[in-house]
């Protein structure tokens, strides 16, 4: 029995459910696999179909049960339509990337590393120690824990060449995650209604933050090696923009890393235009064959506003990031954050500092580099073997993702839907374009769970792509 036979399983189980009493537990997935002589993916697909019909409900850690036939009285929220004036807020949903994968699915859609790639032992020990300190009961300073500010500043100082003044701890503001930093920077430096230049494609969260801040996004094409400085300068000239958001190291989604010459040319354009470069160094800890070189380390004129997060590399539960800015720009961002988030949990800051100052942190990063390289190469090999119609734009030297171009005739929405029906989750590339996409793309995350499933995932992708191209 194959995946196409899931409808037979659905029909038989639906007939059984119709005779069963509400609350009766279904057989386990393993038992159903044996009973129907089907694969786990086929059985999971059938169970998802039954769940979508409202016939069963899954209780995590307990099992799957026949749903009660009693339905709650519908609630009336019609009054809210008038109260909210019928106009939704700006921005688009981020659910596609943040959704939790169903059990048994091959998850290549997420932007986060798998739990096995996190320093779990360090995180648990750090949280336990932080809970026993005064941070558990005290309010933190708006700018953050002084020791953590110093750590972020030292990280930049280590990359600063001779002759350039590195940022100080006083230039650092600790954030409750990088998303709040993006919104604050866009709102403070660009201001609502004004243009913001962004690489295209770019991080979807930046587009979301720009919408929340009310700024106008202007895309600047960016390829496997970064943006064209000439086109960037022309965009500044044509729009009157005074800020450019970019990811110079291991960009999401392309994996691009700027070389030294491009970095200098972009800095020259930004300085000549009297503008800001808002640098998102999200993948600082995810180098594979190259080390990140922050652009801010080359700038001491206040043109670069630098953002770095520990959420992905330490733990998604420790939402701690920092924004580094100098002069009046720093004060404006500080004032915005004071009004919006006020301060970051002292427990989380203390735990984050504990993790990144342990000797084992450096050892963890060295091991992480090796694991990411093995996963990246396995996914590339699987893609090359099983999806001949796909084109890998470049081999990323760091980060978590592959950026894959598909034939122009591909129906990507149908591709994503059919892959999901077969238990493979992928992310449609359109999410990363602030305007019309320049082609048909998907993003594949090689840092997710179960890398041994990559070949099977690519086999499914290749088979579905042949049908929808």
Protein backbone atom coordinates (compact mmCIF):
# COMPACT_ATOMS: atom_id res chain seq x y z
CA UNK A 1 0.00 0.00 0.00
CA UNK A 2 1.43 3.44 -0.95
CA UNK A 3 0.64 7.05 -0.12
CA UNK A 4 -2.15 7.13 -2.72
CA UNK A 5 -3.93 4.40 -0.75
CA UNK A 6 -4.46 6.63 2.27
CA UNK A 7 -8.04 7.21 1.06
CA UNK A 8 -8.77 3.52 1.67
CA UNK A 9 -7.52 3.85 5.23
CA UNK A 10 -9.62 7.00 5.69
CA UNK A 11 -12.75 5.24 4.43
CA UNK A 12 -12.34 2.20 6.69
CA UNK A 13 -11.46 4.22 9.79
CA UNK A 14 -14.32 6.66 9.13
CA UNK A 15 -16.74 3.74 9.02
CA UNK A 16 -15.36 2.42 12.31
CA UNK A 17 -15.51 5.90 13.90
CA UNK A 18 -19.18 6.23 12.90
CA UNK A 19 -19.98 3.19 15.07
CA UNK A 20 -17.61 4.05 17.93
CA UNK A 21 -18.53 5.95 21.05
CA UNK A 22 -17.10 9.48 21.51
CA UNK A 23 -13.77 9.45 23.32
CA UNK A 24 -12.76 5.92 22.26
CA UNK A 25 -9.03 5.67 21.54
CA UNK A 26 -7.81 4.64 18.09
CA UNK A 27 -5.09 2.07 17.58
CA UNK A 28 -1.54 3.43 17.63
CA UNK A 29 0.21 4.46 14.42
CA UNK A 30 2.41 1.38 14.64
CA UNK A 31 -0.63 -0.88 14.92
CA UNK A 32 -2.33 0.85 12.00
CA UNK A 33 0.82 0.49 9.88
CA UNK A 34 0.80 -3.26 10.52
CA UNK A 35 -2.96 -3.59 10.07
CA UNK A 36 -3.10 -1.82 6.71
CA UNK A 37 0.39 -2.86 5.56
CA UNK A 38 1.10 0.78 4.84
CA UNK A 39 3.99 3.15 5.47
CA UNK A 40 3.96 5.49 8.50
CA UNK A 41 3.72 8.47 6.10
CA UNK A 42 0.56 7.00 4.51
CA UNK A 43 -1.05 6.36 7.89
CA UNK A 44 -0.18 9.86 9.14
CA UNK A 45 -1.69 11.33 5.98
CA UNK A 46 -4.93 9.42 6.61
CA UNK A 47 -5.05 10.56 10.25
CA UNK A 48 -4.52 14.19 9.19
CA UNK A 49 -7.45 13.86 6.79
CA UNK A 50 -9.68 12.45 9.54
CA UNK A 51 -8.58 15.23 11.86
CA UNK A 52 -9.36 17.87 9.24
CA UNK A 53 -12.88 16.41 8.97
CA UNK A 54 -13.33 16.79 12.70
CA UNK A 55 -13.68 13.04 13.28
CA UNK A 56 -10.67 12.54 15.56
CA UNK A 57 -8.50 14.54 17.91
CA UNK A 58 -4.89 13.98 18.93
CA UNK A 59 -3.74 14.48 22.51
CA UNK A 60 0.07 14.83 22.53
CA UNK A 61 1.73 12.12 24.55
CA UNK A 62 -1.56 10.26 25.05
CA UNK A 63 -2.97 9.13 21.71
CA UNK A 64 -5.67 9.71 19.10
CA UNK A 65 -9.37 9.61 20.03
CA UNK A 66 -12.80 9.76 18.44
CA UNK A 67 -13.95 13.34 18.74
CA UNK A 68 -17.05 14.04 20.81
CA UNK A 69 -20.13 14.74 18.71
CA UNK A 70 -21.18 17.58 21.00
CA UNK A 71 -20.38 20.95 19.50
CA UNK A 72 -20.01 24.14 21.57
CA UNK A 73 -22.44 26.98 21.05
CA UNK A 74 -20.96 29.30 18.38
CA UNK A 75 -19.73 32.59 19.81
CA UNK A 76 -20.84 35.88 18.31
CA UNK A 77 -18.01 38.26 17.40
CA UNK A 78 -19.89 40.27 14.78
CA UNK A 79 -19.66 43.42 16.91
CA UNK A 80 -15.86 43.39 16.47
CA UNK A 81 -16.17 43.89 12.73
CA UNK A 82 -17.65 47.34 13.33
CA UNK A 83 -15.31 48.17 16.21
CA UNK A 84 -12.21 47.32 14.14
CA UNK A 85 -13.48 49.28 11.09
CA UNK A 86 -12.89 46.29 8.81
CA UNK A 87 -9.26 47.21 8.00
CA UNK A 88 -6.67 44.61 9.00
CA UNK A 89 -3.25 45.76 10.20
CA UNK A 90 -0.35 45.84 7.72
CA UNK A 91 1.86 42.82 7.32
CA UNK A 92 1.46 39.22 6.34
CA UNK A 93 1.23 35.99 8.27
CA UNK A 94 4.43 34.28 9.36
CA UNK A 95 2.71 30.99 10.09
CA UNK A 96 4.18 29.07 7.14
CA UNK A 97 7.69 29.21 8.58
CA UNK A 98 6.77 28.97 12.26
CA UNK A 99 4.30 26.09 12.05
CA UNK A 100 5.11 22.91 13.94
CA UNK A 101 5.58 19.91 11.67
CA UNK A 102 3.20 16.97 12.12
CA UNK A 103 4.71 13.85 13.63
CA UNK A 104 6.51 11.79 11.00
CA UNK A 105 6.80 14.62 8.48
CA UNK A 106 10.09 15.52 6.80
CA UNK A 107 10.41 19.15 7.86
CA UNK A 108 12.53 21.29 5.52
CA UNK A 109 10.51 24.49 5.92
CA UNK A 110 11.57 25.92 9.27
CA UNK A 111 14.15 28.63 9.86
CA UNK A 112 15.32 27.22 13.20
CA UNK A 113 17.95 24.59 13.94
CA UNK A 114 16.92 21.25 15.39
CA UNK A 115 17.18 20.72 19.13
CA UNK A 116 20.09 18.34 18.58
CA UNK A 117 22.13 21.30 17.27
CA UNK A 118 21.60 23.41 20.41
CA UNK A 119 23.84 23.49 23.51
CA UNK A 120 21.13 21.84 25.60
CA UNK A 121 23.29 20.97 28.59
CA UNK A 122 24.70 24.51 28.80
CA UNK A 123 21.23 26.06 28.47
CA UNK A 124 19.64 23.93 31.20
CA UNK A 125 22.49 24.56 33.62
CA UNK A 126 22.51 28.30 32.87
CA UNK A 127 18.76 28.66 33.43
CA UNK A 128 19.00 26.80 36.72
CA UNK A 129 21.80 29.06 37.93
CA UNK A 130 20.06 32.22 36.71
CA UNK A 131 16.90 31.30 38.64
CA UNK A 132 18.90 31.31 41.87
CA UNK A 133 20.25 34.83 41.34
CA UNK A 134 18.71 38.22 42.11
CA UNK A 135 17.81 38.45 38.41
CA UNK A 136 14.82 36.22 39.14
CA UNK A 137 13.21 38.99 41.18
CA UNK A 138 14.67 42.25 39.86
CA UNK A 139 13.82 44.58 37.00
CA UNK A 140 16.56 44.93 34.42
CA UNK A 141 17.93 48.18 33.03
CA UNK A 142 16.36 49.25 29.75
CA UNK A 143 19.71 48.98 27.94
CA UNK A 144 20.31 45.52 29.33
CA UNK A 145 22.63 43.67 31.68
CA UNK A 146 25.97 45.54 31.70
CA UNK A 147 28.03 42.35 31.43
CA UNK A 148 25.99 41.18 28.43
CA UNK A 149 26.34 44.58 26.74
CA UNK A 150 30.10 44.26 27.19
CA UNK A 151 30.12 40.76 25.70
CA UNK A 152 28.31 41.89 22.52
CA UNK A 153 30.74 44.84 22.22
CA UNK A 154 33.79 42.56 22.65
CA UNK A 155 32.51 40.26 19.92
CA UNK A 156 32.58 43.20 17.50
CA UNK A 157 35.89 44.48 18.83
CA UNK A 158 37.58 41.17 17.96
CA UNK A 159 36.63 41.68 14.30
CA UNK A 160 37.57 45.38 14.14
CA UNK A 161 40.69 46.14 12.06
CA UNK A 162 43.43 48.50 13.18
CA UNK A 163 42.59 52.15 12.73
CA UNK A 164 38.85 51.72 13.33
CA UNK A 165 37.32 52.57 16.69
CA UNK A 166 35.20 49.64 17.88
CA UNK A 167 31.79 50.17 19.53
CA UNK A 168 31.62 50.32 23.31
CA UNK A 169 29.30 48.56 25.72
CA UNK A 170 27.31 51.78 26.02
CA UNK A 171 26.43 51.52 22.32
CA UNK A 172 24.67 48.18 22.92
CA UNK A 173 20.97 47.77 23.71
CA UNK A 174 19.77 44.29 24.67
CA UNK A 175 16.49 43.23 23.02
CA UNK A 176 13.75 40.63 23.56
CA UNK A 177 14.55 39.02 20.19
CA UNK A 178 15.73 40.57 16.94
CA UNK A 179 12.24 41.22 15.55
CA UNK A 180 11.65 43.97 18.10
CA UNK A 181 15.00 45.46 17.09
CA UNK A 182 14.03 45.54 13.43
CA UNK A 183 10.74 47.27 14.17
CA UNK A 184 12.44 49.79 16.47
CA UNK A 185 15.20 50.53 13.96
CA UNK A 186 12.80 50.95 11.04
CA UNK A 187 10.44 53.12 13.07
CA UNK A 188 13.23 55.27 14.53
CA UNK A 189 15.62 55.65 11.59
CA UNK A 190 13.26 55.50 8.61
CA UNK A 191 9.99 56.76 10.17
CA UNK A 192 6.48 55.87 8.95
CA UNK A 193 5.70 56.67 5.34
CA UNK A 194 9.35 56.94 4.30
CA UNK A 195 11.25 54.50 1.99
CA UNK A 196 13.50 51.69 3.25
CA UNK A 197 15.82 49.93 0.80
CA UNK A 198 16.06 46.14 1.27
CA UNK A 199 17.80 43.33 -0.55
CA UNK A 200 15.52 41.23 -2.72
CA UNK A 201 15.03 38.46 -1.80
CA UNK A 202 15.28 39.26 1.88
CA UNK A 203 14.30 37.91 5.29
CA UNK A 204 10.49 37.71 5.45
CA UNK A 205 10.56 38.95 9.06
CA UNK A 206 12.10 42.21 7.88
CA UNK A 207 9.21 42.74 5.48
CA UNK A 208 6.84 42.04 8.34
CA UNK A 209 8.69 44.48 10.61
CA UNK A 210 8.65 47.15 7.91
CA UNK A 211 4.89 46.79 7.57
CA UNK A 212 4.44 47.07 11.33
CA UNK A 213 6.65 50.17 11.39
CA UNK A 214 4.70 51.72 8.53
CA UNK A 215 7.71 52.23 6.24
CA UNK A 216 7.71 51.77 2.46
CA UNK A 217 9.88 48.86 1.28
CA UNK A 218 11.92 49.38 -1.90
CA UNK A 219 13.62 46.20 -3.19
CA UNK A 220 17.20 46.20 -4.47
CA UNK A 221 18.12 43.02 -6.40
CA UNK A 222 20.65 40.84 -4.58
CA UNK A 223 22.34 37.77 -6.06
CA UNK A 224 24.48 34.91 -4.75
CA UNK A 225 27.27 37.35 -3.82
CA UNK A 226 25.15 40.25 -2.59
CA UNK A 227 23.71 43.47 -4.05
CA UNK A 228 25.10 45.53 -6.90
CA UNK A 229 26.46 48.79 -5.37
CA UNK A 230 25.63 50.71 -8.55
CA UNK A 231 21.98 49.66 -8.36
CA UNK A 232 21.97 50.42 -4.63
CA UNK A 233 23.26 53.94 -5.25
CA UNK A 234 20.64 54.48 -7.95
CA UNK A 235 17.91 53.34 -5.55
CA UNK A 236 19.09 55.88 -2.98
CA UNK A 237 19.08 58.57 -5.67
CA UNK A 238 15.63 57.74 -7.02
CA UNK A 239 13.82 57.25 -3.70
CA UNK A 240 15.55 59.65 -1.34
CA UNK A 241 15.86 56.77 1.14
CA UNK A 242 18.19 57.11 4.11
CA UNK A 243 18.45 53.47 5.21
CA UNK A 244 19.32 50.10 3.67
CA UNK A 245 18.51 46.79 5.42
CA UNK A 246 20.86 43.93 4.53
CA UNK A 247 22.31 40.60 5.67
CA UNK A 248 25.99 40.68 4.64
CA UNK A 249 26.80 37.28 6.18
CA UNK A 250 24.96 34.09 5.09
CA UNK A 251 21.81 35.92 4.03
CA UNK A 252 18.42 34.36 4.56
CA UNK A 253 17.37 32.91 2.12
CA UNK A 254 20.20 33.03 -0.45
CA UNK A 255 23.16 32.21 1.82
CA UNK A 256 25.14 35.05 0.21
CA UNK A 257 28.18 36.51 1.95
CA UNK A 258 29.71 39.82 0.91
CA UNK A 259 33.43 39.85 0.20
CA UNK A 260 35.73 42.62 1.36
CA UNK A 261 35.51 44.64 -1.85
CA UNK A 262 31.70 44.61 -1.94
CA UNK A 263 31.52 45.52 1.74
CA UNK A 264 33.71 48.56 1.14
CA UNK A 265 31.75 49.66 -1.94
CA UNK A 266 28.41 49.39 -0.10
CA UNK A 267 29.85 51.35 2.83
CA UNK A 268 31.09 54.03 0.43
CA UNK A 269 27.60 54.36 -1.07
CA UNK A 270 25.93 54.55 2.33
CA UNK A 271 28.39 57.17 3.58
CA UNK A 272 28.13 59.28 0.42
CA UNK A 273 24.34 59.28 0.74
CA UNK A 274 24.41 60.20 4.43
CA UNK A 275 22.43 57.03 5.12
CA UNK A 276 22.29 54.06 7.50
CA UNK A 277 23.08 50.43 6.82
CA UNK A 278 20.95 48.27 9.12
CA UNK A 279 23.04 45.10 9.33
CA UNK A 280 21.30 41.89 10.38
CA UNK A 281 23.97 39.42 11.55
CA UNK A 282 21.43 36.68 12.34
CA UNK A 283 23.74 33.80 11.29
CA UNK A 284 26.86 34.93 13.13
CA UNK A 285 27.21 31.55 14.86
CA UNK A 286 26.43 29.45 11.78
CA UNK A 287 29.57 29.72 9.67
CA UNK A 288 30.52 26.54 7.80
CA UNK A 289 33.40 27.18 5.42
CA UNK A 290 33.72 30.88 6.15
CA UNK A 291 33.64 33.13 9.20
CA UNK A 292 31.25 36.10 9.44
CA UNK A 293 32.81 39.55 9.12
CA UNK A 294 30.42 42.20 10.48
CA UNK A 295 30.29 45.33 8.37
CA UNK A 296 30.03 47.38 11.57
CA UNK A 297 33.58 46.35 12.42
CA UNK A 298 34.72 48.52 9.50
CA UNK A 299 32.63 51.58 10.36
CA UNK A 300 33.21 54.11 13.13
CA UNK A 301 31.15 56.94 11.64
CA UNK A 302 27.77 55.81 12.97
CA UNK A 303 26.47 54.73 9.57
CA UNK A 304 26.04 51.05 10.49
CA UNK A 305 23.36 49.89 12.93
CA UNK A 306 24.10 46.30 13.87
CA UNK A 307 21.70 43.60 14.98
CA UNK A 308 22.65 40.18 16.38
CA UNK A 309 20.47 37.50 17.97
CA UNK A 310 21.26 34.52 20.21
CA UNK A 311 17.80 32.99 19.85
CA UNK A 312 18.66 30.54 17.07
CA UNK A 313 22.12 29.54 18.26
CA UNK A 314 21.50 29.30 22.03
CA UNK A 315 17.80 28.37 22.32
CA UNK A 316 14.44 29.55 20.93
CA UNK A 317 13.33 29.82 24.57
CA UNK A 318 16.03 32.42 25.27
CA UNK A 319 14.88 35.35 23.17
CA UNK A 320 17.86 37.63 23.64
CA UNK A 321 19.39 39.83 20.98
CA UNK A 322 21.24 43.13 20.78
CA UNK A 323 21.26 46.20 18.59
CA UNK A 324 24.40 48.33 18.38
CA UNK A 325 24.17 51.95 17.26
CA UNK A 326 26.04 55.21 17.89
CA UNK A 327 25.08 58.81 18.32
CA UNK A 328 21.52 60.17 18.08
CA UNK A 329 20.46 57.00 16.21
CA UNK A 330 21.18 54.97 19.32
CA UNK A 331 19.17 57.35 21.48
CA UNK A 332 16.16 57.23 19.16
CA UNK A 333 16.17 53.44 19.08
CA UNK A 334 16.62 53.32 22.86
CA UNK A 335 13.63 55.63 23.35
CA UNK A 336 11.47 53.50 21.04
CA UNK A 337 12.37 50.29 22.84
CA UNK A 338 11.81 51.92 26.23
CA UNK A 339 8.23 52.64 25.21
CA UNK A 340 7.52 49.28 23.53
CA UNK A 341 9.32 46.50 25.40
CA UNK A 342 10.73 48.46 28.40
CA UNK A 343 13.32 45.81 29.34
CA UNK A 344 14.36 42.20 28.78
CA UNK A 345 13.94 39.51 31.43
CA UNK A 346 16.98 39.50 33.68
CA UNK A 347 16.78 35.73 34.00
CA UNK A 348 17.05 35.27 30.24
CA UNK A 349 19.89 37.77 29.96
CA UNK A 350 21.80 36.12 32.81
CA UNK A 351 21.29 32.67 31.28
CA UNK A 352 22.37 33.84 27.82
CA UNK A 353 25.52 35.43 29.22
CA UNK A 354 26.26 32.27 31.18
CA UNK A 355 26.03 30.10 28.06
CA UNK A 356 28.19 32.23 25.75
CA UNK A 357 30.94 32.78 28.35
CA UNK A 358 31.40 29.09 29.16
CA UNK A 359 34.51 27.46 27.65
CA UNK A 360 32.21 24.73 26.31
CA UNK A 361 30.41 27.32 24.14
CA UNK A 362 33.38 27.58 21.77
CA UNK A 363 33.63 23.81 21.63
CA UNK A 364 29.94 23.63 20.81
CA UNK A 365 30.34 26.09 17.93
CA UNK A 366 33.21 24.07 16.46
CA UNK A 367 31.09 20.93 16.57
CA UNK A 368 28.10 22.81 15.17
CA UNK A 369 30.14 23.90 12.15
CA UNK A 370 30.98 20.28 11.34
CA UNK A 371 27.37 19.13 11.77
CA UNK A 372 25.99 21.90 9.58
CA UNK A 373 28.51 21.11 6.87
CA UNK A 374 27.58 17.41 6.88
CA UNK A 375 23.87 18.23 6.74
CA UNK A 376 24.29 20.85 4.03
CA UNK A 377 26.34 18.49 1.85
CA UNK A 378 23.89 15.61 2.36
CA UNK A 379 20.94 17.76 1.31
CA UNK A 380 22.84 19.09 -1.72
CA UNK A 381 23.79 15.56 -2.80
CA UNK A 382 20.19 14.40 -2.36
CA UNK A 383 18.85 17.40 -4.29
CA UNK A 384 21.33 16.82 -7.13
CA UNK A 385 20.46 13.13 -7.39
CA UNK A 386 16.70 13.24 -7.06
CA UNK A 387 15.62 16.70 -8.30
CA UNK A 388 17.38 17.24 -11.66
CA UNK A 389 14.97 20.04 -12.59
CA UNK A 390 16.10 22.16 -9.61
CA UNK A 391 18.99 24.61 -9.71
CA UNK A 392 20.98 25.42 -6.57
CA UNK A 393 21.85 29.11 -6.88
CA UNK A 394 25.05 28.70 -4.82
CA UNK A 395 26.59 26.56 -2.09
CA UNK A 396 26.19 28.60 1.10
CA UNK A 397 29.30 29.09 3.21
CA UNK A 398 27.15 29.39 6.32
CA UNK A 399 23.60 29.73 7.55
CA UNK A 400 20.86 27.12 7.68
CA UNK A 401 19.31 27.00 4.20
CA UNK A 402 19.57 26.18 0.53
CA UNK A 403 17.98 28.59 -1.96
CA UNK A 404 16.71 26.58 -4.91
CA UNK A 405 15.43 27.87 -8.24
CA UNK A 406 12.80 25.85 -10.09
CA UNK A 407 11.68 25.98 -13.74
CA UNK A 408 9.71 29.13 -14.52
CA UNK A 409 6.61 27.09 -15.34
CA UNK A 410 6.47 25.52 -11.86
CA UNK A 411 3.26 25.94 -9.88
CA UNK A 412 5.00 26.41 -6.54
CA UNK A 413 1.78 26.56 -4.51
CA UNK A 414 0.72 23.20 -5.93
CA UNK A 415 4.23 21.82 -5.39
CA UNK A 416 4.18 22.81 -1.72
CA UNK A 417 0.69 21.39 -1.21
CA UNK A 418 1.40 18.04 -2.88
CA UNK A 419 4.71 17.64 -1.08
CA UNK A 420 2.93 18.23 2.22
CA UNK A 421 0.33 15.61 1.35
CA UNK A 422 3.26 13.20 0.95
CA UNK A 423 4.73 14.21 4.31
CA UNK A 424 7.39 16.68 3.13
CA UNK A 425 7.24 20.34 4.22
CA UNK A 426 9.05 22.95 2.13
CA UNK A 427 8.90 26.75 2.12
CA UNK A 428 7.72 28.65 -0.99
CA UNK A 429 10.23 31.28 -2.08
CA UNK A 430 7.63 34.00 -2.61
CA UNK A 431 7.69 34.70 1.15
CA UNK A 432 11.17 36.24 0.81
CA UNK A 433 10.39 38.71 -1.94
CA UNK A 434 9.20 42.17 -0.81
CA UNK A 435 7.64 42.68 -4.25
CA UNK A 436 7.11 40.41 -7.25
CA UNK A 437 9.45 37.39 -7.23
CA UNK A 438 12.18 37.24 -9.87
CA UNK A 439 11.54 33.53 -10.46
CA UNK A 440 10.16 30.35 -8.93
CA UNK A 441 12.07 29.42 -5.77
CA UNK A 442 11.86 27.27 -2.66
CA UNK A 443 13.95 27.37 0.50
CA UNK A 444 15.14 24.14 2.11
CA UNK A 445 16.42 24.05 5.69
CA UNK A 446 19.25 21.55 6.27
CA UNK A 447 19.32 22.19 10.04
CA UNK A 448 16.02 20.48 10.83
CA UNK A 449 15.39 17.13 12.47
CA UNK A 450 16.29 13.73 11.02
CA UNK A 451 18.85 14.52 8.31
CA UNK A 452 18.78 10.82 7.38
CA UNK A 453 15.38 11.58 5.81
CA UNK A 454 16.85 14.09 3.33
CA UNK A 455 17.18 11.56 0.46
CA UNK A 456 13.55 10.47 0.87
CA UNK A 457 12.41 14.10 1.07
CA UNK A 458 14.23 14.93 -2.15
CA UNK A 459 12.80 11.86 -3.88
CA UNK A 460 9.30 13.11 -3.05
CA UNK A 461 10.18 16.64 -4.16
CA UNK A 462 11.59 15.37 -7.45
CA UNK A 463 8.54 13.22 -8.19
CA UNK A 464 6.07 16.02 -7.40
CA UNK A 465 8.07 18.61 -9.36
CA UNK A 466 7.92 16.41 -12.46
CA UNK A 467 4.11 16.57 -12.24
CA UNK A 468 3.63 20.29 -11.57
CA UNK A 469 6.29 21.84 -13.79
